[in-house]
């Protein structure tokens, strides 16, 4: 992925690309590959200059859905709990509603 964007790519662009790859693999039922890309996107959230928490909450939600698809409800609930914990730090009615 870094080759596609170059070494000076902005973290938000890298994260979007990781999400695109993850979504493609998820839709193709290649769940382990999807997981790898979604986890990388989650790590990239810490590099974001803005909306770090909101992005992290959304990535955790995506991971929760994937873990559920992978028949791993325990991991899904862990991701959901972490997202809910972070959402208490964000003042966004839109985020709470989603």
PDB file of N, CA and C in Angstrom:
ATOM      1  N   UNK A   1       0.828  -1.193   0.000  1.00  0.00           N
ATOM      2  CA  UNK A   1       0.000   0.000   0.000  1.00  0.00           C
ATOM      3  C   UNK A   1       0.863   1.244   0.000  1.00  0.00           C
ATOM      4  N   UNK A   2       1.938   1.220   0.779  1.00  0.00           N
ATOM      5  CA  UNK A   2       2.823   2.380   0.801  1.00  0.00           C
ATOM      6  C   UNK A   2       3.391   2.660  -0.588  1.00  0.00           C
ATOM      7  N   UNK A   3       3.609   1.594  -1.366  1.00  0.00           N
ATOM      8  CA  UNK A   3       4.120   1.773  -2.721  1.00  0.00           C
ATOM      9  C   UNK A   3       3.121   2.526  -3.585  1.00  0.00           C
ATOM     10  N   UNK A   4       1.846   2.290  -3.361  1.00  0.00           N
ATOM     11  CA  UNK A   4       0.813   2.958  -4.144  1.00  0.00           C
ATOM     12  C   UNK A   4       0.800   4.453  -3.854  1.00  0.00           C
ATOM     13  N   UNK A   5       0.910   4.811  -2.580  1.00  0.00           N
ATOM     14  CA  UNK A   5       0.816   6.215  -2.191  1.00  0.00           C
ATOM     15  C   UNK A   5       2.157   6.910  -2.044  1.00  0.00           C
ATOM     16  N   UNK A   6       3.224   6.165  -1.968  1.00  0.00           N
ATOM     17  CA  UNK A   6       4.535   6.762  -1.751  1.00  0.00           C
ATOM     18  C   UNK A   6       4.836   6.877  -0.264  1.00  0.00           C
ATOM     19  N   UNK A   7       6.071   7.096   0.053  1.00  0.00           N
ATOM     20  CA  UNK A   7       6.484   7.108   1.455  1.00  0.00           C
ATOM     21  C   UNK A   7       6.038   8.362   2.190  1.00  0.00           C
ATOM     22  N   UNK A   8       5.694   9.417   1.484  1.00  0.00           N
ATOM     23  CA  UNK A   8       5.295  10.652   2.151  1.00  0.00           C
ATOM     24  C   UNK A   8       3.779  10.797   2.240  1.00  0.00           C
ATOM     25  N   UNK A   9       3.063   9.703   2.099  1.00  0.00           N
ATOM     26  CA  UNK A   9       1.599   9.747   2.124  1.00  0.00           C
ATOM     27  C   UNK A   9       1.099  10.204   3.489  1.00  0.00           C
ATOM     28  N   UNK A  10       0.018  10.943   3.462  1.00  0.00           N
ATOM     29  CA  UNK A  10      -0.603  11.405   4.700  1.00  0.00           C
ATOM     30  C   UNK A  10      -1.311  10.233   5.376  1.00  0.00           C
ATOM     31  N   UNK A  11      -1.304  10.219   6.715  1.00  0.00           N
ATOM     32  CA  UNK A  11      -1.920   9.096   7.446  1.00  0.00           C
ATOM     33  C   UNK A  11      -3.391   8.875   7.091  1.00  0.00           C
ATOM     34  N   UNK A  12      -4.137   9.950   6.878  1.00  0.00           N
ATOM     35  CA  UNK A  12      -5.554   9.779   6.551  1.00  0.00           C
ATOM     36  C   UNK A  12      -5.746   9.093   5.195  1.00  0.00           C
ATOM     37  N   UNK A  13      -4.842   9.351   4.254  1.00  0.00           N
ATOM     38  CA  UNK A  13      -4.922   8.676   2.948  1.00  0.00           C
ATOM     39  C   UNK A  13      -4.530   7.203   3.062  1.00  0.00           C
ATOM     40  N   UNK A  14      -3.504   6.942   3.850  1.00  0.00           N
ATOM     41  CA  UNK A  14      -3.111   5.550   4.083  1.00  0.00           C
ATOM     42  C   UNK A  14      -4.247   4.785   4.752  1.00  0.00           C
ATOM     43  N   UNK A  15      -4.895   5.432   5.732  1.00  0.00           N
ATOM     44  CA  UNK A  15      -5.995   4.768   6.426  1.00  0.00           C
ATOM     45  C   UNK A  15      -7.143   4.468   5.461  1.00  0.00           C
ATOM     46  N   UNK A  16      -7.489   5.420   4.617  1.00  0.00           N
ATOM     47  CA  UNK A  16      -8.564   5.191   3.643  1.00  0.00           C
ATOM     48  C   UNK A  16      -8.232   4.034   2.702  1.00  0.00           C
ATOM     49  N   UNK A  17      -6.989   3.961   2.294  1.00  0.00           N
ATOM     50  CA  UNK A  17      -6.588   2.881   1.402  1.00  0.00           C
ATOM     51  C   UNK A  17      -6.646   1.532   2.120  1.00  0.00           C
ATOM     52  N   UNK A  18      -6.192   1.484   3.361  1.00  0.00           N
ATOM     53  CA  UNK A  18      -6.290   0.247   4.140  1.00  0.00           C
ATOM     54  C   UNK A  18      -7.753  -0.168   4.301  1.00  0.00           C
ATOM     55  N   UNK A  19      -8.629   0.801   4.531  1.00  0.00           N
ATOM     56  CA  UNK A  19     -10.063   0.494   4.651  1.00  0.00           C
ATOM     57  C   UNK A  19     -10.629  -0.037   3.344  1.00  0.00           C
ATOM     58  N   UNK A  20     -10.200   0.540   2.234  1.00  0.00           N
ATOM     59  CA  UNK A  20     -10.682   0.072   0.926  1.00  0.00           C
ATOM     60  C   UNK A  20     -10.248  -1.370   0.680  1.00  0.00           C
ATOM     61  N   UNK A  21      -8.995  -1.664   0.989  1.00  0.00           N
ATOM     62  CA  UNK A  21      -8.516  -3.039   0.837  1.00  0.00           C
ATOM     63  C   UNK A  21      -9.284  -3.967   1.778  1.00  0.00           C
ATOM     64  N   UNK A  22      -9.445  -3.544   3.034  1.00  0.00           N
ATOM     65  CA  UNK A  22     -10.164  -4.359   3.997  1.00  0.00           C
ATOM     66  C   UNK A  22     -11.590  -4.631   3.560  1.00  0.00           C
ATOM     67  N   UNK A  23     -12.268  -3.613   3.076  1.00  0.00           N
ATOM     68  CA  UNK A  23     -13.654  -3.776   2.610  1.00  0.00           C
ATOM     69  C   UNK A  23     -13.742  -4.725   1.425  1.00  0.00           C
ATOM     70  N   UNK A  24     -12.775  -4.625   0.533  1.00  0.00           N
ATOM     71  CA  UNK A  24     -12.761  -5.501  -0.635  1.00  0.00           C
ATOM     72  C   UNK A  24     -12.574  -6.958  -0.208  1.00  0.00           C
ATOM     73  N   UNK A  25     -11.619  -7.189   0.681  1.00  0.00           N
ATOM     74  CA  UNK A  25     -11.397  -8.553   1.165  1.00  0.00           C
ATOM     75  C   UNK A  25     -12.581  -9.054   1.989  1.00  0.00           C
ATOM     76  N   UNK A  26     -13.189  -8.175   2.759  1.00  0.00           N
ATOM     77  CA  UNK A  26     -14.360  -8.556   3.553  1.00  0.00           C
ATOM     78  C   UNK A  26     -15.491  -8.997   2.632  1.00  0.00           C
ATOM     79  N   UNK A  27     -15.748  -8.216   1.597  1.00  0.00           N
ATOM     80  CA  UNK A  27     -16.812  -8.548   0.644  1.00  0.00           C
ATOM     81  C   UNK A  27     -16.509  -9.831  -0.128  1.00  0.00           C
ATOM     82  N   UNK A  28     -15.230 -10.156  -0.254  1.00  0.00           N
ATOM     83  CA  UNK A  28     -14.810 -11.367  -0.969  1.00  0.00           C
ATOM     84  C   UNK A  28     -14.669 -12.568  -0.044  1.00  0.00           C
ATOM     85  N   UNK A  29     -15.091 -12.415   1.203  1.00  0.00           N
ATOM     86  CA  UNK A  29     -15.004 -13.467   2.217  1.00  0.00           C
ATOM     87  C   UNK A  29     -13.574 -13.901   2.524  1.00  0.00           C
ATOM     88  N   UNK A  30     -12.628 -13.014   2.308  1.00  0.00           N
ATOM     89  CA  UNK A  30     -11.229 -13.266   2.681  1.00  0.00           C
ATOM     90  C   UNK A  30     -10.985 -12.529   3.994  1.00  0.00           C
ATOM     91  N   UNK A  31     -11.552 -13.096   5.047  1.00  0.00           N
ATOM     92  CA  UNK A  31     -11.650 -12.393   6.313  1.00  0.00           C
ATOM     93  C   UNK A  31     -10.310 -12.133   6.989  1.00  0.00           C
ATOM     94  N   UNK A  32      -9.379 -13.054   6.879  1.00  0.00           N
ATOM     95  CA  UNK A  32      -8.067 -12.842   7.509  1.00  0.00           C
ATOM     96  C   UNK A  32      -7.336 -11.664   6.866  1.00  0.00           C
ATOM     97  N   UNK A  33      -7.430 -11.554   5.547  1.00  0.00           N
ATOM     98  CA  UNK A  33      -6.812 -10.410   4.868  1.00  0.00           C
ATOM     99  C   UNK A  33      -7.531  -9.113   5.227  1.00  0.00           C
ATOM    100  N   UNK A  34      -8.846  -9.179   5.303  1.00  0.00           N
ATOM    101  CA  UNK A  34      -9.619  -8.002   5.707  1.00  0.00           C
ATOM    102  C   UNK A  34      -9.201  -7.559   7.106  1.00  0.00           C
ATOM    103  N   UNK A  35      -9.061  -8.517   7.999  1.00  0.00           N
ATOM    104  CA  UNK A  35      -8.673  -8.218   9.371  1.00  0.00           C
ATOM    105  C   UNK A  35      -7.326  -7.502   9.414  1.00  0.00           C
ATOM    106  N   UNK A  36      -6.385  -8.002   8.665  1.00  0.00           N
ATOM    107  CA  UNK A  36      -5.053  -7.389   8.641  1.00  0.00           C
ATOM    108  C   UNK A  36      -5.120  -5.920   8.221  1.00  0.00           C
ATOM    109  N   UNK A  37      -5.895  -5.636   7.189  1.00  0.00           N
ATOM    110  CA  UNK A  37      -6.001  -4.251   6.709  1.00  0.00           C
ATOM    111  C   UNK A  37      -6.792  -3.375   7.677  1.00  0.00           C
ATOM    112  N   UNK A  38      -7.853  -3.919   8.262  1.00  0.00           N
ATOM    113  CA  UNK A  38      -8.626  -3.145   9.236  1.00  0.00           C
ATOM    114  C   UNK A  38      -7.792  -2.826  10.482  1.00  0.00           C
ATOM    115  N   UNK A  39      -6.973  -3.780  10.926  1.00  0.00           N
ATOM    116  CA  UNK A  39      -6.121  -3.525  12.083  1.00  0.00           C
ATOM    117  C   UNK A  39      -5.069  -2.466  11.777  1.00  0.00           C
ATOM    118  N   UNK A  40      -4.543  -2.476  10.558  1.00  0.00           N
ATOM    119  CA  UNK A  40      -3.586  -1.445  10.160  1.00  0.00           C
ATOM    120  C   UNK A  40      -4.268  -0.079  10.132  1.00  0.00           C
ATOM    121  N   UNK A  41      -5.492  -0.034   9.629  1.00  0.00           N
ATOM    122  CA  UNK A  41      -6.248   1.228   9.617  1.00  0.00           C
ATOM    123  C   UNK A  41      -6.463   1.733  11.040  1.00  0.00           C
ATOM    124  N   UNK A  42      -6.746   0.827  11.957  1.00  0.00           N
ATOM    125  CA  UNK A  42      -6.930   1.207  13.361  1.00  0.00           C
ATOM    126  C   UNK A  42      -5.645   1.807  13.932  1.00  0.00           C
ATOM    127  N   UNK A  43      -4.512   1.206  13.626  1.00  0.00           N
ATOM    128  CA  UNK A  43      -3.232   1.728  14.107  1.00  0.00           C
ATOM    129  C   UNK A  43      -2.954   3.119  13.544  1.00  0.00           C
ATOM    130  N   UNK A  44      -3.342   3.340  12.305  1.00  0.00           N
ATOM    131  CA  UNK A  44      -3.110   4.635  11.672  1.00  0.00           C
ATOM    132  C   UNK A  44      -3.932   5.758  12.306  1.00  0.00           C
ATOM    133  N   UNK A  45      -4.999   5.415  12.995  1.00  0.00           N
ATOM    134  CA  UNK A  45      -5.819   6.436  13.663  1.00  0.00           C
ATOM    135  C   UNK A  45      -4.995   7.275  14.626  1.00  0.00           C
ATOM    136  N   UNK A  46      -4.024   6.665  15.275  1.00  0.00           N
ATOM    137  CA  UNK A  46      -3.198   7.394  16.233  1.00  0.00           C
ATOM    138  C   UNK A  46      -2.331   8.452  15.565  1.00  0.00           C
ATOM    139  N   UNK A  47      -2.155   8.375  14.254  1.00  0.00           N
ATOM    140  CA  UNK A  47      -1.342   9.340  13.516  1.00  0.00           C
ATOM    141  C   UNK A  47      -2.161  10.483  12.937  1.00  0.00           C
ATOM    142  N   UNK A  48      -3.462  10.407  13.070  1.00  0.00           N
ATOM    143  CA  UNK A  48      -4.315  11.416  12.452  1.00  0.00           C
ATOM    144  C   UNK A  48      -4.244  12.743  13.207  1.00  0.00           C
ATOM    145  N   UNK A  49      -4.133  13.837  12.460  1.00  0.00           N
ATOM    146  CA  UNK A  49      -4.064  15.138  13.123  1.00  0.00           C
ATOM    147  C   UNK A  49      -5.421  15.596  13.678  1.00  0.00           C
ATOM    148  N   UNK A  50      -6.507  15.161  13.063  1.00  0.00           N
ATOM    149  CA  UNK A  50      -7.844  15.568  13.487  1.00  0.00           C
ATOM    150  C   UNK A  50      -8.759  14.356  13.556  1.00  0.00           C
ATOM    151  N   UNK A  51      -9.792  14.463  14.361  1.00  0.00           N
ATOM    152  CA  UNK A  51     -10.819  13.422  14.481  1.00  0.00           C
ATOM    153  C   UNK A  51     -10.243  12.051  14.821  1.00  0.00           C
ATOM    154  N   UNK A  52      -9.188  12.036  15.609  1.00  0.00           N
ATOM    155  CA  UNK A  52      -8.520  10.787  15.968  1.00  0.00           C
ATOM    156  C   UNK A  52      -9.479   9.824  16.674  1.00  0.00           C
ATOM    157  N   UNK A  53     -10.198  10.324  17.680  1.00  0.00           N
ATOM    158  CA  UNK A  53     -11.096   9.447  18.431  1.00  0.00           C
ATOM    159  C   UNK A  53     -12.270   8.964  17.590  1.00  0.00           C
ATOM    160  N   UNK A  54     -12.853   9.858  16.817  1.00  0.00           N
ATOM    161  CA  UNK A  54     -13.993   9.478  15.974  1.00  0.00           C
ATOM    162  C   UNK A  54     -13.571   8.411  14.974  1.00  0.00           C
ATOM    163  N   UNK A  55     -12.415   8.590  14.361  1.00  0.00           N
ATOM    164  CA  UNK A  55     -11.913   7.596  13.405  1.00  0.00           C
ATOM    165  C   UNK A  55     -11.664   6.261  14.092  1.00  0.00           C
ATOM    166  N   UNK A  56     -11.097   6.317  15.284  1.00  0.00           N
ATOM    167  CA  UNK A  56     -10.808   5.086  16.008  1.00  0.00           C
ATOM    168  C   UNK A  56     -12.094   4.345  16.378  1.00  0.00           C
ATOM    169  N   UNK A  57     -13.108   5.090  16.793  1.00  0.00           N
ATOM    170  CA  UNK A  57     -14.398   4.479  17.130  1.00  0.00           C
ATOM    171  C   UNK A  57     -14.994   3.796  15.908  1.00  0.00           C
ATOM    172  N   UNK A  58     -14.922   4.443  14.775  1.00  0.00           N
ATOM    173  CA  UNK A  58     -15.470   3.853  13.544  1.00  0.00           C
ATOM    174  C   UNK A  58     -14.694   2.614  13.123  1.00  0.00           C
ATOM    175  N   UNK A  59     -13.377   2.641  13.267  1.00  0.00           N
ATOM    176  CA  UNK A  59     -12.582   1.462  12.917  1.00  0.00           C
ATOM    177  C   UNK A  59     -12.900   0.303  13.864  1.00  0.00           C
ATOM    178  N   UNK A  60     -13.075   0.602  15.138  1.00  0.00           N
ATOM    179  CA  UNK A  60     -13.441  -0.443  16.098  1.00  0.00           C
ATOM    180  C   UNK A  60     -14.797  -1.045  15.761  1.00  0.00           C
ATOM    181  N   UNK A  61     -15.712  -0.206  15.316  1.00  0.00           N
ATOM    182  CA  UNK A  61     -17.034  -0.693  14.908  1.00  0.00           C
ATOM    183  C   UNK A  61     -16.917  -1.616  13.694  1.00  0.00           C
ATOM    184  N   UNK A  62     -16.084  -1.231  12.751  1.00  0.00           N
ATOM    185  CA  UNK A  62     -15.854  -2.073  11.569  1.00  0.00           C
ATOM    186  C   UNK A  62     -15.270  -3.420  11.983  1.00  0.00           C
ATOM    187  N   UNK A  63     -14.292  -3.383  12.877  1.00  0.00           N
ATOM    188  CA  UNK A  63     -13.689  -4.627  13.364  1.00  0.00           C
ATOM    189  C   UNK A  63     -14.699  -5.488  14.111  1.00  0.00           C
ATOM    190  N   UNK A  64     -15.571  -4.863  14.884  1.00  0.00           N
ATOM    191  CA  UNK A  64     -16.599  -5.625  15.603  1.00  0.00           C
ATOM    192  C   UNK A  64     -17.475  -6.392  14.622  1.00  0.00           C
ATOM    193  N   UNK A  65     -17.859  -5.739  13.536  1.00  0.00           N
ATOM    194  CA  UNK A  65     -18.668  -6.415  12.519  1.00  0.00           C
ATOM    195  C   UNK A  65     -17.932  -7.555  11.848  1.00  0.00           C
ATOM    196  N   UNK A  66     -16.653  -7.343  11.553  1.00  0.00           N
ATOM    197  CA  UNK A  66     -15.867  -8.399  10.916  1.00  0.00           C
ATOM    198  C   UNK A  66     -15.701  -9.593  11.859  1.00  0.00           C
ATOM    199  N   UNK A  67     -15.383  -9.317  13.121  1.00  0.00           N
ATOM    200  CA  UNK A  67     -15.233 -10.423  14.068  1.00  0.00           C
ATOM    201  C   UNK A  67     -16.532 -11.215  14.210  1.00  0.00           C
ATOM    202  N   UNK A  68     -17.651 -10.529  14.141  1.00  0.00           N
ATOM    203  CA  UNK A  68     -18.930 -11.233  14.208  1.00  0.00           C
ATOM    204  C   UNK A  68     -19.107 -12.125  12.985  1.00  0.00           C
ATOM    205  N   UNK A  69     -18.754 -11.605  11.818  1.00  0.00           N
ATOM    206  CA  UNK A  69     -18.811 -12.389  10.584  1.00  0.00           C
ATOM    207  C   UNK A  69     -17.889 -13.609  10.667  1.00  0.00           C
ATOM    208  N   UNK A  70     -16.764 -13.443  11.357  1.00  0.00           N
ATOM    209  CA  UNK A  70     -15.788 -14.518  11.504  1.00  0.00           C
ATOM    210  C   UNK A  70     -16.162 -15.489  12.633  1.00  0.00           C
ATOM    211  N   UNK A  71     -17.375 -15.362  13.152  1.00  0.00           N
ATOM    212  CA  UNK A  71     -17.853 -16.253  14.217  1.00  0.00           C
ATOM    213  C   UNK A  71     -17.033 -16.105  15.498  1.00  0.00           C
ATOM    214  N   UNK A  72     -16.639 -14.863  15.801  1.00  0.00           N
ATOM    215  CA  UNK A  72     -15.877 -14.598  17.011  1.00  0.00           C
ATOM    216  C   UNK A  72     -16.590 -13.503  17.808  1.00  0.00           C
ATOM    217  N   UNK A  73     -17.713 -13.857  18.455  1.00  0.00           N
ATOM    218  CA  UNK A  73     -18.488 -12.846  19.167  1.00  0.00           C
ATOM    219  C   UNK A  73     -17.742 -12.222  20.350  1.00  0.00           C
ATOM    220  N   UNK A  74     -16.818 -12.962  20.958  1.00  0.00           N
ATOM    221  CA  UNK A  74     -16.069 -12.416  22.085  1.00  0.00           C
ATOM    222  C   UNK A  74     -15.222 -11.224  21.649  1.00  0.00           C
ATOM    223  N   UNK A  75     -14.504 -11.376  20.541  1.00  0.00           N
ATOM    224  CA  UNK A  75     -13.680 -10.280  20.010  1.00  0.00           C
ATOM    225  C   UNK A  75     -14.576  -9.130  19.546  1.00  0.00           C
ATOM    226  N   UNK A  76     -15.714  -9.472  18.951  1.00  0.00           N
ATOM    227  CA  UNK A  76     -16.654  -8.451  18.506  1.00  0.00           C
ATOM    228  C   UNK A  76     -17.108  -7.597  19.684  1.00  0.00           C
ATOM    229  N   UNK A  77     -17.453  -8.246  20.779  1.00  0.00           N
ATOM    230  CA  UNK A  77     -17.881  -7.507  21.972  1.00  0.00           C
ATOM    231  C   UNK A  77     -16.747  -6.685  22.569  1.00  0.00           C
ATOM    232  N   UNK A  78     -15.526  -7.188  22.504  1.00  0.00           N
ATOM    233  CA  UNK A  78     -14.375  -6.419  22.994  1.00  0.00           C
ATOM    234  C   UNK A  78     -14.213  -5.128  22.197  1.00  0.00           C
ATOM    235  N   UNK A  79     -14.347  -5.222  20.875  1.00  0.00           N
ATOM    236  CA  UNK A  79     -14.229  -4.036  20.028  1.00  0.00           C
ATOM    237  C   UNK A  79     -15.365  -3.050  20.315  1.00  0.00           C
ATOM    238  N   UNK A  80     -16.568  -3.586  20.499  1.00  0.00           N
ATOM    239  CA  UNK A  80     -17.723  -2.746  20.792  1.00  0.00           C
ATOM    240  C   UNK A  80     -17.551  -2.040  22.130  1.00  0.00           C
ATOM    241  N   UNK A  81     -17.090  -2.760  23.140  1.00  0.00           N
ATOM    242  CA  UNK A  81     -16.866  -2.157  24.454  1.00  0.00           C
ATOM    243  C   UNK A  81     -15.823  -1.049  24.391  1.00  0.00           C
ATOM    244  N   UNK A  82     -14.753  -1.289  23.645  1.00  0.00           N
ATOM    245  CA  UNK A  82     -13.710  -0.267  23.512  1.00  0.00           C
ATOM    246  C   UNK A  82     -14.258   0.967  22.798  1.00  0.00           C
ATOM    247  N   UNK A  83     -15.043   0.752  21.750  1.00  0.00           N
ATOM    248  CA  UNK A  83     -15.638   1.874  21.020  1.00  0.00           C
ATOM    249  C   UNK A  83     -16.576   2.674  21.914  1.00  0.00           C
ATOM    250  N   UNK A  84     -17.377   1.974  22.698  1.00  0.00           N
ATOM    251  CA  UNK A  84     -18.293   2.669  23.608  1.00  0.00           C
ATOM    252  C   UNK A  84     -17.534   3.466  24.663  1.00  0.00           C
ATOM    253  N   UNK A  85     -16.448   2.915  25.147  1.00  0.00           N
ATOM    254  CA  UNK A  85     -15.621   3.630  26.112  1.00  0.00           C
ATOM    255  C   UNK A  85     -15.054   4.916  25.533  1.00  0.00           C
ATOM    256  N   UNK A  86     -14.596   4.856  24.296  1.00  0.00           N
ATOM    257  CA  UNK A  86     -14.055   6.042  23.645  1.00  0.00           C
ATOM    258  C   UNK A  86     -15.144   7.050  23.302  1.00  0.00           C
ATOM    259  N   UNK A  87     -16.329   6.558  22.981  1.00  0.00           N
ATOM    260  CA  UNK A  87     -17.405   7.472  22.577  1.00  0.00           C
ATOM    261  C   UNK A  87     -17.819   8.401  23.710  1.00  0.00           C
ATOM    262  N   UNK A  88     -17.568   8.004  24.953  1.00  0.00           N
ATOM    263  CA  UNK A  88     -17.869   8.869  26.092  1.00  0.00           C
ATOM    264  C   UNK A  88     -16.980  10.114  26.090  1.00  0.00           C
ATOM    265  N   UNK A  89     -15.856  10.060  25.373  1.00  0.00           N
ATOM    266  CA  UNK A  89     -14.926  11.185  25.299  1.00  0.00           C
ATOM    267  C   UNK A  89     -15.235  12.128  24.143  1.00  0.00           C
ATOM    268  N   UNK A  90     -16.191  11.748  23.309  1.00  0.00           N
ATOM    269  CA  UNK A  90     -16.497  12.532  22.112  1.00  0.00           C
ATOM    270  C   UNK A  90     -17.883  13.137  22.260  1.00  0.00           C
ATOM    271  N   UNK A  91     -17.968  14.432  22.033  1.00  0.00           N
ATOM    272  CA  UNK A  91     -19.253  15.117  22.119  1.00  0.00           C
ATOM    273  C   UNK A  91     -19.828  15.255  20.709  1.00  0.00           C
ATOM    274  N   UNK A  92     -20.462  14.180  20.245  1.00  0.00           N
ATOM    275  CA  UNK A  92     -21.000  14.185  18.893  1.00  0.00           C
ATOM    276  C   UNK A  92     -22.305  13.397  18.840  1.00  0.00           C
ATOM    277  N   UNK A  93     -23.452  14.101  18.771  1.00  0.00           N
ATOM    278  CA  UNK A  93     -24.725  13.386  18.671  1.00  0.00           C
ATOM    279  C   UNK A  93     -24.802  12.472  17.440  1.00  0.00           C
ATOM    280  N   UNK A  94     -24.164  12.875  16.357  1.00  0.00           N
ATOM    281  CA  UNK A  94     -24.153  12.079  15.132  1.00  0.00           C
ATOM    282  C   UNK A  94     -23.449  10.747  15.363  1.00  0.00           C
ATOM    283  N   UNK A  95     -22.334  10.772  16.088  1.00  0.00           N
ATOM    284  CA  UNK A  95     -21.591   9.551  16.365  1.00  0.00           C
ATOM    285  C   UNK A  95     -22.396   8.634  17.274  1.00  0.00           C
ATOM    286  N   UNK A  96     -23.035   9.197  18.269  1.00  0.00           N
ATOM    287  CA  UNK A  96     -23.833   8.396  19.206  1.00  0.00           C
ATOM    288  C   UNK A  96     -24.992   7.729  18.486  1.00  0.00           C
ATOM    289  N   UNK A  97     -25.571   8.430  17.517  1.00  0.00           N
ATOM    290  CA  UNK A  97     -26.732   7.894  16.795  1.00  0.00           C
ATOM    291  C   UNK A  97     -26.359   6.798  15.819  1.00  0.00           C
ATOM    292  N   UNK A  98     -25.095   6.761  15.395  1.00  0.00           N
ATOM    293  CA  UNK A  98     -24.716   5.778  14.365  1.00  0.00           C
ATOM    294  C   UNK A  98     -24.320   4.455  14.922  1.00  0.00           C
TER     295      UNK A  98
END
